[in-house]
Amino acid sequence: MTSVNFRESAALALVVGFSTLLAACTSPQDSGSPVKTVTVTTTAASSSTTAAPRSSADSGCRAPVVALDPGHNGQSISVFDKITGVEMRDYPNGAEDADVFAVATTAKRALERAGYTVVLLKKNTSESVTYRQRVDRAERAEADIGISIHTSPGEHSVFDQRLGGYREGTGADGQTLRVTFKNADLARKSGRLSSKFATARSQVEGRQVNVVQNNFGGRAPLWAGDLPMISLISQKVPWVYSEFGTVDGGGGSNPIGPTGRSLYARSIVAATKAAVPNTCE
């Protein structure tokens, strides 16, 4: 019997895993099905490119790194992701663009005062950046959590990276493509963080904020499904997707106003601290 040492086994597993993922991203299903499917997942081997975590020079303690993602774009974009094949469509959404950027910058300052490392995934309200670019920025920052900040009238919910979540639509080749999230480890992390995030938001906002499943059906030309695109694409950073609306109908293209901005920022800060506590303080 031929023996294989540990390094050879690990290398072989990595090659096989990569080949399987590549095949899933490029090959259609059996000819009997008109829908191509892509499984979005990753293995522990993919984390090997992550740089060493930041540490305090005095204590060696690493403060949490938070990626804040103020939603929407300065102009409409539609680009197919080269890795998953999904259509990354985004657009300006009136008052929401300035509202969520103001909330993100306010939350950033507060978290930094509390010792967190914070990166914004958009430079300003007019910048147009794809979901893949946002995820790449979060990964380069070695973020412990990604938080998408959005507003919508009457909405006060949190969406996690739910196992089996998907998006489906017409791919770049004109065929129907269904992309499914199957990263079980990341789904567990996102679920745990999202639960803590929602609980803290409930306490600050004085209303019930729940972790729920999204629904993009009937919103053409957006792809159908139940998982935000950025949550589907992120495979290293656990993601929390936050929606907020004021009691008077503010949110989305309707301004949430200074009071709404202040409340949402305080809610984001408290929820972030609850989800990823800074033990280096």
C-alpha atoms as a PDB file:
ATOM      1  CA  MET A   1       0.000   0.000   0.000  1.00  0.00           C
ATOM      2  CA  THR A   2       1.390   3.408  -0.959  1.00  0.00           C
ATOM      3  CA  SER A   3       1.709   5.879   1.914  1.00  0.00           C
ATOM      4  CA  VAL A   4       0.903   9.579   1.497  1.00  0.00           C
ATOM      5  CA  ASN A   5       2.220  12.082   4.003  1.00  0.00           C
ATOM      6  CA  PHE A   6       0.079  14.906   5.497  1.00  0.00           C
ATOM      7  CA  ARG A   7       1.406  17.657   3.204  1.00  0.00           C
ATOM      8  CA  GLU A   8       0.729  15.598   0.114  1.00  0.00           C
ATOM      9  CA  SER A   9      -2.784  14.826   1.333  1.00  0.00           C
ATOM     10  CA  ALA A  10      -3.509  18.485   2.059  1.00  0.00           C
ATOM     11  CA  ALA A  11      -2.206  19.543  -1.333  1.00  0.00           C
ATOM     12  CA  LEU A  12      -4.265  16.880  -3.064  1.00  0.00           C
ATOM     13  CA  ALA A  13      -7.390  17.961  -1.179  1.00  0.00           C
ATOM     14  CA  LEU A  14      -6.796  21.563  -2.159  1.00  0.00           C
ATOM     15  CA  VAL A  15      -6.406  20.704  -5.844  1.00  0.00           C
ATOM     16  CA  VAL A  16      -9.512  18.534  -5.840  1.00  0.00           C
ATOM     17  CA  GLY A  17     -11.527  21.192  -3.968  1.00  0.00           C
ATOM     18  CA  PHE A  18     -10.434  23.901  -6.374  1.00  0.00           C
ATOM     19  CA  SER A  19     -11.233  21.750  -9.402  1.00  0.00           C
ATOM     20  CA  THR A  20     -14.697  21.033  -8.020  1.00  0.00           C
ATOM     21  CA  LEU A  21     -15.398  24.706  -7.410  1.00  0.00           C
ATOM     22  CA  LEU A  22     -14.134  25.659 -10.868  1.00  0.00           C
ATOM     23  CA  ALA A  23     -16.376  23.060 -12.448  1.00  0.00           C
ATOM     24  CA  ALA A  24     -19.380  24.303 -10.477  1.00  0.00           C
ATOM     25  CA  CYS A  25     -18.792  27.879 -11.648  1.00  0.00           C
ATOM     26  CA  THR A  26     -18.384  27.034 -15.342  1.00  0.00           C
ATOM     27  CA  SER A  27     -20.339  23.895 -16.153  1.00  0.00           C
ATOM     28  CA  PRO A  28     -24.104  23.641 -16.762  1.00  0.00           C
ATOM     29  CA  GLN A  29     -26.241  20.988 -15.094  1.00  0.00           C
ATOM     30  CA  ASP A  30     -27.309  17.791 -16.799  1.00  0.00           C
ATOM     31  CA  SER A  31     -28.791  18.472 -20.218  1.00  0.00           C
ATOM     32  CA  GLY A  32     -32.251  17.691 -18.855  1.00  0.00           C
ATOM     33  CA  SER A  33     -32.301  20.937 -16.824  1.00  0.00           C
ATOM     34  CA  PRO A  34     -32.529  24.422 -18.380  1.00  0.00           C
ATOM     35  CA  VAL A  35     -31.059  26.059 -15.261  1.00  0.00           C
ATOM     36  CA  LYS A  36     -27.350  26.205 -14.548  1.00  0.00           C
ATOM     37  CA  THR A  37     -26.475  26.144 -10.867  1.00  0.00           C
ATOM     38  CA  VAL A  38     -23.497  27.457  -8.965  1.00  0.00           C
ATOM     39  CA  THR A  39     -22.711  26.510  -5.395  1.00  0.00           C
ATOM     40  CA  VAL A  40     -21.035  29.375  -3.599  1.00  0.00           C
ATOM     41  CA  THR A  41     -18.794  27.926  -0.912  1.00  0.00           C
ATOM     42  CA  THR A  42     -15.208  27.927   0.265  1.00  0.00           C
ATOM     43  CA  THR A  43     -12.897  25.749   2.325  1.00  0.00           C
ATOM     44  CA  ALA A  44     -10.444  26.460   5.099  1.00  0.00           C
ATOM     45  CA  ALA A  45      -7.600  26.291   2.591  1.00  0.00           C
ATOM     46  CA  SER A  46      -8.780  29.531   0.943  1.00  0.00           C
ATOM     47  CA  SER A  47      -8.000  31.516   4.101  1.00  0.00           C
ATOM     48  CA  SER A  48      -4.271  30.963   3.662  1.00  0.00           C
ATOM     49  CA  THR A  49      -3.909  34.247   1.776  1.00  0.00           C
ATOM     50  CA  THR A  50      -5.117  36.266   4.784  1.00  0.00           C
ATOM     51  CA  ALA A  51      -2.420  38.495   6.260  1.00  0.00           C
ATOM     52  CA  ALA A  52      -1.477  38.422   9.936  1.00  0.00           C
ATOM     53  CA  PRO A  53      -4.026  40.174  12.185  1.00  0.00           C
ATOM     54  CA  ARG A  54      -3.313  43.635  13.538  1.00  0.00           C
ATOM     55  CA  SER A  55      -2.169  43.743  17.147  1.00  0.00           C
ATOM     56  CA  SER A  56      -1.637  46.373  19.799  1.00  0.00           C
ATOM     57  CA  ALA A  57       2.044  47.075  20.303  1.00  0.00           C
ATOM     58  CA  ASP A  58       1.533  47.128  24.067  1.00  0.00           C
ATOM     59  CA  SER A  59      -0.700  44.138  24.754  1.00  0.00           C
ATOM     60  CA  GLY A  60      -0.674  42.049  21.581  1.00  0.00           C
ATOM     61  CA  CYS A  61      -4.480  42.266  21.617  1.00  0.00           C
ATOM     62  CA  ARG A  62      -6.202  42.597  18.243  1.00  0.00           C
ATOM     63  CA  ALA A  63      -9.211  44.931  18.178  1.00  0.00           C
ATOM     64  CA  PRO A  64     -12.111  43.888  15.913  1.00  0.00           C
ATOM     65  CA  VAL A  65     -12.047  45.125  12.321  1.00  0.00           C
ATOM     66  CA  VAL A  66     -15.431  46.320  11.069  1.00  0.00           C
ATOM     67  CA  ALA A  67     -16.359  46.897   7.405  1.00  0.00           C
ATOM     68  CA  LEU A  68     -19.247  49.349   7.094  1.00  0.00           C
ATOM     69  CA  ASP A  69     -21.043  49.225   3.755  1.00  0.00           C
ATOM     70  CA  PRO A  70     -23.277  52.250   3.055  1.00  0.00           C
ATOM     71  CA  GLY A  71     -25.646  51.019   0.357  1.00  0.00           C
ATOM     72  CA  HIS A  72     -26.300  51.991  -3.261  1.00  0.00           C
ATOM     73  CA  ASN A  73     -24.246  53.728  -5.936  1.00  0.00           C
ATOM     74  CA  GLY A  74     -23.607  57.109  -7.460  1.00  0.00           C
ATOM     75  CA  GLN A  75     -24.819  55.805 -10.821  1.00  0.00           C
ATOM     76  CA  SER A  76     -26.596  52.724 -12.114  1.00  0.00           C
ATOM     77  CA  ILE A  77     -24.318  49.762 -12.826  1.00  0.00           C
ATOM     78  CA  SER A  78     -24.821  46.231 -14.119  1.00  0.00           C
ATOM     79  CA  VAL A  79     -21.785  43.935 -14.113  1.00  0.00           C
ATOM     80  CA  PHE A  80     -21.532  40.152 -14.050  1.00  0.00           C
ATOM     81  CA  ASP A  81     -19.339  38.786 -11.285  1.00  0.00           C
ATOM     82  CA  LYS A  82     -16.488  36.780 -12.808  1.00  0.00           C
ATOM     83  CA  ILE A  83     -16.413  34.299  -9.920  1.00  0.00           C
ATOM     84  CA  THR A  84     -20.073  33.450  -9.315  1.00  0.00           C
ATOM     85  CA  GLY A  85     -21.680  34.690 -12.541  1.00  0.00           C
ATOM     86  CA  VAL A  86     -24.361  36.733 -10.741  1.00  0.00           C
ATOM     87  CA  GLU A  87     -25.424  40.084 -12.125  1.00  0.00           C
ATOM     88  CA  MET A  88     -24.279  42.824  -9.759  1.00  0.00           C
ATOM     89  CA  ARG A  89     -26.901  45.464 -10.438  1.00  0.00           C
ATOM     90  CA  ASP A  90     -27.091  48.574  -8.277  1.00  0.00           C
ATOM     91  CA  TYR A  91     -28.392  52.123  -8.589  1.00  0.00           C
ATOM     92  CA  PRO A  92     -28.820  55.478  -6.838  1.00  0.00           C
ATOM     93  CA  ASN A  93     -31.825  55.554  -4.516  1.00  0.00           C
ATOM     94  CA  GLY A  94     -32.545  59.176  -3.759  1.00  0.00           C
ATOM     95  CA  ALA A  95     -32.224  60.242  -0.133  1.00  0.00           C
ATOM     96  CA  GLU A  96     -31.048  56.795   0.972  1.00  0.00           C
ATOM     97  CA  ASP A  97     -27.594  57.330  -0.519  1.00  0.00           C
ATOM     98  CA  ALA A  98     -26.781  60.364   1.638  1.00  0.00           C
ATOM     99  CA  ASP A  99     -28.652  59.000   4.667  1.00  0.00           C
ATOM    100  CA  VAL A 100     -26.751  55.736   4.931  1.00  0.00           C
ATOM    101  CA  PHE A 101     -23.394  57.339   4.173  1.00  0.00           C
ATOM    102  CA  ALA A 102     -23.971  59.838   6.982  1.00  0.00           C
ATOM    103  CA  VAL A 103     -24.980  57.004   9.319  1.00  0.00           C
ATOM    104  CA  ALA A 104     -21.889  54.993   8.350  1.00  0.00           C
ATOM    105  CA  THR A 105     -19.451  57.868   8.883  1.00  0.00           C
ATOM    106  CA  THR A 106     -21.013  58.748  12.247  1.00  0.00           C
ATOM    107  CA  ALA A 107     -20.865  55.107  13.339  1.00  0.00           C
ATOM    108  CA  LYS A 108     -17.269  54.847  12.113  1.00  0.00           C
ATOM    109  CA  ARG A 109     -16.133  57.727  14.308  1.00  0.00           C
ATOM    110  CA  ALA A 110     -17.923  56.337  17.374  1.00  0.00           C
ATOM    111  CA  LEU A 111     -16.507  52.838  16.902  1.00  0.00           C
ATOM    112  CA  GLU A 112     -12.987  54.158  16.356  1.00  0.00           C
ATOM    113  CA  ARG A 113     -13.249  56.094  19.619  1.00  0.00           C
ATOM    114  CA  ALA A 114     -14.112  52.754  21.220  1.00  0.00           C
ATOM    115  CA  GLY A 115     -10.903  51.213  19.858  1.00  0.00           C
ATOM    116  CA  TYR A 116     -12.273  49.437  16.764  1.00  0.00           C
ATOM    117  CA  THR A 117     -10.615  49.456  13.363  1.00  0.00           C
ATOM    118  CA  VAL A 118     -13.233  50.551  10.837  1.00  0.00           C
ATOM    119  CA  VAL A 119     -13.151  50.673   7.045  1.00  0.00           C
ATOM    120  CA  LEU A 120     -15.838  52.213   4.835  1.00  0.00           C
ATOM    121  CA  LEU A 121     -16.544  50.231   1.672  1.00  0.00           C
ATOM    122  CA  LYS A 122     -17.505  53.401  -0.217  1.00  0.00           C
ATOM    123  CA  LYS A 123     -15.357  56.533  -0.342  1.00  0.00           C
ATOM    124  CA  ASN A 124     -18.266  58.944  -0.790  1.00  0.00           C
ATOM    125  CA  THR A 125     -21.907  59.035  -1.894  1.00  0.00           C
ATOM    126  CA  SER A 126     -21.048  59.513  -5.566  1.00  0.00           C
ATOM    127  CA  GLU A 127     -18.671  56.534  -5.828  1.00  0.00           C
ATOM    128  CA  SER A 128     -19.965  53.573  -7.815  1.00  0.00           C
ATOM    129  CA  VAL A 129     -18.513  50.289  -6.593  1.00  0.00           C
ATOM    130  CA  THR A 130     -19.637  46.742  -7.333  1.00  0.00           C
ATOM    131  CA  TYR A 131     -20.516  44.192  -4.667  1.00  0.00           C
ATOM    132  CA  ARG A 132     -17.360  42.267  -5.519  1.00  0.00           C
ATOM    133  CA  GLN A 133     -15.240  45.379  -5.009  1.00  0.00           C
ATOM    134  CA  ARG A 134     -16.906  45.985  -1.647  1.00  0.00           C
ATOM    135  CA  VAL A 135     -16.240  42.416  -0.540  1.00  0.00           C
ATOM    136  CA  ASP A 136     -12.639  42.656  -1.752  1.00  0.00           C
ATOM    137  CA  ARG A 137     -12.135  45.803   0.325  1.00  0.00           C
ATOM    138  CA  ALA A 138     -13.541  44.072   3.397  1.00  0.00           C
ATOM    139  CA  GLU A 139     -11.272  41.071   2.868  1.00  0.00           C
ATOM    140  CA  ARG A 140      -8.171  43.227   2.396  1.00  0.00           C
ATOM    141  CA  ALA A 141      -8.991  44.913   5.705  1.00  0.00           C
ATOM    142  CA  GLU A 142      -9.266  41.450   7.325  1.00  0.00           C
ATOM    143  CA  ALA A 143     -12.730  42.427   8.562  1.00  0.00           C
ATOM    144  CA  ASP A 144     -14.344  40.384  11.333  1.00  0.00           C
ATOM    145  CA  ILE A 145     -17.787  41.532  10.213  1.00  0.00           C
ATOM    146  CA  GLY A 146     -19.314  43.222   7.173  1.00  0.00           C
ATOM    147  CA  ILE A 147     -22.354  45.422   7.803  1.00  0.00           C
ATOM    148  CA  SER A 148     -24.493  46.677   4.928  1.00  0.00           C
ATOM    149  CA  ILE A 149     -26.421  49.795   5.931  1.00  0.00           C
ATOM    150  CA  HIS A 150     -29.711  50.474   4.127  1.00  0.00           C
ATOM    151  CA  THR A 151     -33.017  52.217   4.734  1.00  0.00           C
ATOM    152  CA  SER A 152     -36.531  51.321   3.605  1.00  0.00           C
ATOM    153  CA  PRO A 153     -39.948  52.723   4.618  1.00  0.00           C
ATOM    154  CA  GLY A 154     -41.510  50.712   7.434  1.00  0.00           C
ATOM    155  CA  GLU A 155     -38.560  48.314   7.578  1.00  0.00           C
ATOM    156  CA  HIS A 156     -36.525  47.432  10.657  1.00  0.00           C
ATOM    157  CA  SER A 157     -34.919  44.091   9.979  1.00  0.00           C
ATOM    158  CA  VAL A 158     -31.631  42.237   9.701  1.00  0.00           C
ATOM    159  CA  PHE A 159     -30.779  39.666   7.025  1.00  0.00           C
ATOM    160  CA  ASP A 160     -28.119  37.014   7.597  1.00  0.00           C
ATOM    161  CA  GLN A 161     -26.143  34.807   5.217  1.00  0.00           C
ATOM    162  CA  ARG A 162     -28.670  32.007   5.351  1.00  0.00           C
ATOM    163  CA  LEU A 163     -27.561  28.539   4.274  1.00  0.00           C
ATOM    164  CA  GLY A 164     -29.347  27.680   1.025  1.00  0.00           C
ATOM    165  CA  GLY A 165     -30.055  31.326   0.230  1.00  0.00           C
ATOM    166  CA  TYR A 166     -29.932  32.004  -3.484  1.00  0.00           C
ATOM    167  CA  ARG A 167     -30.368  34.382  -6.416  1.00  0.00           C
ATOM    168  CA  GLU A 168     -31.553  33.376  -9.868  1.00  0.00           C
ATOM    169  CA  GLY A 169     -31.653  35.239 -13.146  1.00  0.00           C
ATOM    170  CA  THR A 170     -30.311  35.511 -16.666  1.00  0.00           C
ATOM    171  CA  GLY A 171     -26.565  35.068 -16.819  1.00  0.00           C
ATOM    172  CA  ALA A 172     -24.063  36.677 -19.170  1.00  0.00           C
ATOM    173  CA  ASP A 173     -24.577  33.829 -21.644  1.00  0.00           C
ATOM    174  CA  GLY A 174     -28.341  34.393 -21.780  1.00  0.00           C
ATOM    175  CA  GLN A 175     -29.147  31.216 -19.820  1.00  0.00           C
ATOM    176  CA  THR A 176     -30.919  31.046 -16.470  1.00  0.00           C
ATOM    177  CA  LEU A 177     -28.433  30.776 -13.630  1.00  0.00           C
ATOM    178  CA  ARG A 178     -29.154  29.938  -9.982  1.00  0.00           C
ATOM    179  CA  VAL A 179     -26.399  30.666  -7.459  1.00  0.00           C
ATOM    180  CA  THR A 180     -26.784  29.145  -3.984  1.00  0.00           C
ATOM    181  CA  PHE A 181     -24.988  29.943  -0.727  1.00  0.00           C
ATOM    182  CA  LYS A 182     -23.656  26.751   0.877  1.00  0.00           C
ATOM    183  CA  ASN A 183     -20.861  27.928   3.143  1.00  0.00           C
ATOM    184  CA  ALA A 184     -22.129  26.341   6.368  1.00  0.00           C
ATOM    185  CA  ASP A 185     -19.407  27.750   8.610  1.00  0.00           C
ATOM    186  CA  LEU A 186     -19.904  31.320   7.411  1.00  0.00           C
ATOM    187  CA  ALA A 187     -23.681  30.925   7.635  1.00  0.00           C
ATOM    188  CA  ARG A 188     -23.373  29.924  11.305  1.00  0.00           C
ATOM    189  CA  LYS A 189     -21.129  32.908  12.029  1.00  0.00           C
ATOM    190  CA  SER A 190     -23.411  35.320  10.210  1.00  0.00           C
ATOM    191  CA  GLY A 191     -26.472  33.910  11.967  1.00  0.00           C
ATOM    192  CA  ARG A 192     -24.875  34.297  15.387  1.00  0.00           C
ATOM    193  CA  LEU A 193     -23.687  37.851  14.680  1.00  0.00           C
ATOM    194  CA  SER A 194     -27.001  38.843  13.105  1.00  0.00           C
ATOM    195  CA  SER A 195     -28.954  37.628  16.143  1.00  0.00           C
ATOM    196  CA  LYS A 196     -26.820  39.705  18.525  1.00  0.00           C
ATOM    197  CA  PHE A 197     -27.006  42.644  16.122  1.00  0.00           C
ATOM    198  CA  ALA A 198     -30.813  42.539  15.932  1.00  0.00           C
ATOM    199  CA  THR A 199     -31.195  42.231  19.710  1.00  0.00           C
ATOM    200  CA  ALA A 200     -29.020  45.287  20.331  1.00  0.00           C
ATOM    201  CA  ARG A 201     -30.836  47.289  17.658  1.00  0.00           C
ATOM    202  CA  SER A 202     -34.158  46.418  19.297  1.00  0.00           C
ATOM    203  CA  GLN A 203     -32.947  47.811  22.610  1.00  0.00           C
ATOM    204  CA  VAL A 204     -31.668  51.077  21.143  1.00  0.00           C
ATOM    205  CA  GLU A 205     -34.603  51.690  18.792  1.00  0.00           C
ATOM    206  CA  GLY A 206     -37.317  50.642  21.247  1.00  0.00           C
ATOM    207  CA  ARG A 207     -38.978  48.284  18.774  1.00  0.00           C
ATOM    208  CA  GLN A 208     -38.565  44.696  17.705  1.00  0.00           C
ATOM    209  CA  VAL A 209     -35.856  44.140  15.108  1.00  0.00           C
ATOM    210  CA  ASN A 210     -35.831  40.578  13.780  1.00  0.00           C
ATOM    211  CA  VAL A 211     -33.490  38.474  11.686  1.00  0.00           C
ATOM    212  CA  VAL A 212     -35.636  37.611   8.675  1.00  0.00           C
ATOM    213  CA  GLN A 213     -35.384  36.158   5.188  1.00  0.00           C
ATOM    214  CA  ASN A 214     -35.360  38.645   2.335  1.00  0.00           C
ATOM    215  CA  ASN A 215     -37.473  38.370  -0.807  1.00  0.00           C
ATOM    216  CA  PHE A 216     -36.377  39.827  -4.126  1.00  0.00           C
ATOM    217  CA  GLY A 217     -39.268  38.340  -6.104  1.00  0.00           C
ATOM    218  CA  GLY A 218     -41.181  40.712  -8.354  1.00  0.00           C
ATOM    219  CA  ARG A 219     -38.393  43.284  -8.386  1.00  0.00           C
ATOM    220  CA  ALA A 220     -37.174  42.909 -11.971  1.00  0.00           C
ATOM    221  CA  PRO A 221     -34.637  43.569 -13.358  1.00  0.00           C
ATOM    222  CA  LEU A 222     -33.096  42.450 -10.040  1.00  0.00           C
ATOM    223  CA  TRP A 223     -32.566  38.704  -9.871  1.00  0.00           C
ATOM    224  CA  ALA A 224     -35.144  36.732  -7.895  1.00  0.00           C
ATOM    225  CA  GLY A 225     -34.160  35.046  -4.650  1.00  0.00           C
ATOM    226  CA  ASP A 226     -33.864  35.605  -0.921  1.00  0.00           C
ATOM    227  CA  LEU A 227     -30.255  36.642  -0.218  1.00  0.00           C
ATOM    228  CA  PRO A 228     -28.678  40.071  -0.796  1.00  0.00           C
ATOM    229  CA  MET A 229     -26.043  39.890  -3.521  1.00  0.00           C
ATOM    230  CA  ILE A 230     -23.246  41.089  -1.270  1.00  0.00           C
ATOM    231  CA  SER A 231     -24.085  38.392   1.295  1.00  0.00           C
ATOM    232  CA  LEU A 232     -24.072  35.777  -1.458  1.00  0.00           C
ATOM    233  CA  ILE A 233     -20.694  36.909  -2.807  1.00  0.00           C
ATOM    234  CA  SER A 234     -18.845  37.230   0.504  1.00  0.00           C
ATOM    235  CA  GLN A 235     -17.109  33.942   1.309  1.00  0.00           C
ATOM    236  CA  LYS A 236     -14.572  34.969   3.973  1.00  0.00           C
ATOM    237  CA  VAL A 237     -16.243  37.792   5.895  1.00  0.00           C
ATOM    238  CA  PRO A 238     -19.476  37.066   7.823  1.00  0.00           C
ATOM    239  CA  TRP A 239     -22.091  39.557   6.676  1.00  0.00           C
ATOM    240  CA  VAL A 240     -24.971  41.353   8.401  1.00  0.00           C
ATOM    241  CA  TYR A 241     -27.417  43.280   6.209  1.00  0.00           C
ATOM    242  CA  SER A 242     -29.332  45.987   8.078  1.00  0.00           C
ATOM    243  CA  GLU A 243     -32.529  47.820   7.043  1.00  0.00           C
ATOM    244  CA  PHE A 244     -34.016  50.801   8.903  1.00  0.00           C
ATOM    245  CA  GLY A 245     -37.102  52.950   8.492  1.00  0.00           C
ATOM    246  CA  THR A 246     -38.623  55.725  10.584  1.00  0.00           C
ATOM    247  CA  VAL A 247     -42.106  55.627  12.085  1.00  0.00           C
ATOM    248  CA  ASP A 248     -43.234  58.468   9.779  1.00  0.00           C
ATOM    249  CA  GLY A 249     -42.369  56.605   6.567  1.00  0.00           C
ATOM    250  CA  GLY A 250     -38.778  57.709   6.132  1.00  0.00           C
ATOM    251  CA  GLY A 251     -36.413  55.363   4.344  1.00  0.00           C
ATOM    252  CA  GLY A 252     -35.349  54.502   0.825  1.00  0.00           C
ATOM    253  CA  SER A 253     -35.885  57.517  -1.421  1.00  0.00           C
ATOM    254  CA  ASN A 254     -37.686  59.259   1.483  1.00  0.00           C
ATOM    255  CA  PRO A 255     -35.281  61.028   3.887  1.00  0.00           C
ATOM    256  CA  ILE A 256     -35.030  59.677   7.420  1.00  0.00           C
ATOM    257  CA  GLY A 257     -34.029  63.120   8.692  1.00  0.00           C
ATOM    258  CA  PRO A 258     -31.444  64.154  11.313  1.00  0.00           C
ATOM    259  CA  THR A 259     -33.291  62.348  14.119  1.00  0.00           C
ATOM    260  CA  GLY A 260     -33.503  59.142  12.089  1.00  0.00           C
ATOM    261  CA  ARG A 261     -29.846  59.349  11.115  1.00  0.00           C
ATOM    262  CA  SER A 262     -28.801  59.832  14.740  1.00  0.00           C
ATOM    263  CA  LEU A 263     -30.920  56.924  15.969  1.00  0.00           C
ATOM    264  CA  TYR A 264     -29.744  54.580  13.222  1.00  0.00           C
ATOM    265  CA  ALA A 265     -26.073  55.450  13.829  1.00  0.00           C
ATOM    266  CA  ARG A 266     -26.406  54.841  17.571  1.00  0.00           C
ATOM    267  CA  SER A 267     -28.193  51.592  16.814  1.00  0.00           C
ATOM    268  CA  ILE A 268     -25.437  50.439  14.418  1.00  0.00           C
ATOM    269  CA  VAL A 269     -22.738  51.256  16.987  1.00  0.00           C
ATOM    270  CA  ALA A 270     -24.471  49.413  19.841  1.00  0.00           C
ATOM    271  CA  ALA A 271     -25.259  46.434  17.597  1.00  0.00           C
ATOM    272  CA  THR A 272     -21.677  46.210  16.353  1.00  0.00           C
ATOM    273  CA  LYS A 273     -20.322  46.265  19.894  1.00  0.00           C
ATOM    274  CA  ALA A 274     -22.757  43.493  20.864  1.00  0.00           C
ATOM    275  CA  ALA A 275     -21.891  41.356  17.831  1.00  0.00           C
ATOM    276  CA  VAL A 276     -18.088  41.750  17.943  1.00  0.00           C
ATOM    277  CA  PRO A 277     -17.066  43.026  21.400  1.00  0.00           C
ATOM    278  CA  ASN A 278     -13.743  44.808  21.700  1.00  0.00           C
ATOM    279  CA  THR A 279     -11.954  42.899  24.432  1.00  0.00           C
ATOM    280  CA  CYS A 280      -8.851  45.052  24.012  1.00  0.00           C
ATOM    281  CA  GLU A 281     -10.416  48.056  25.744  1.00  0.00           C
END
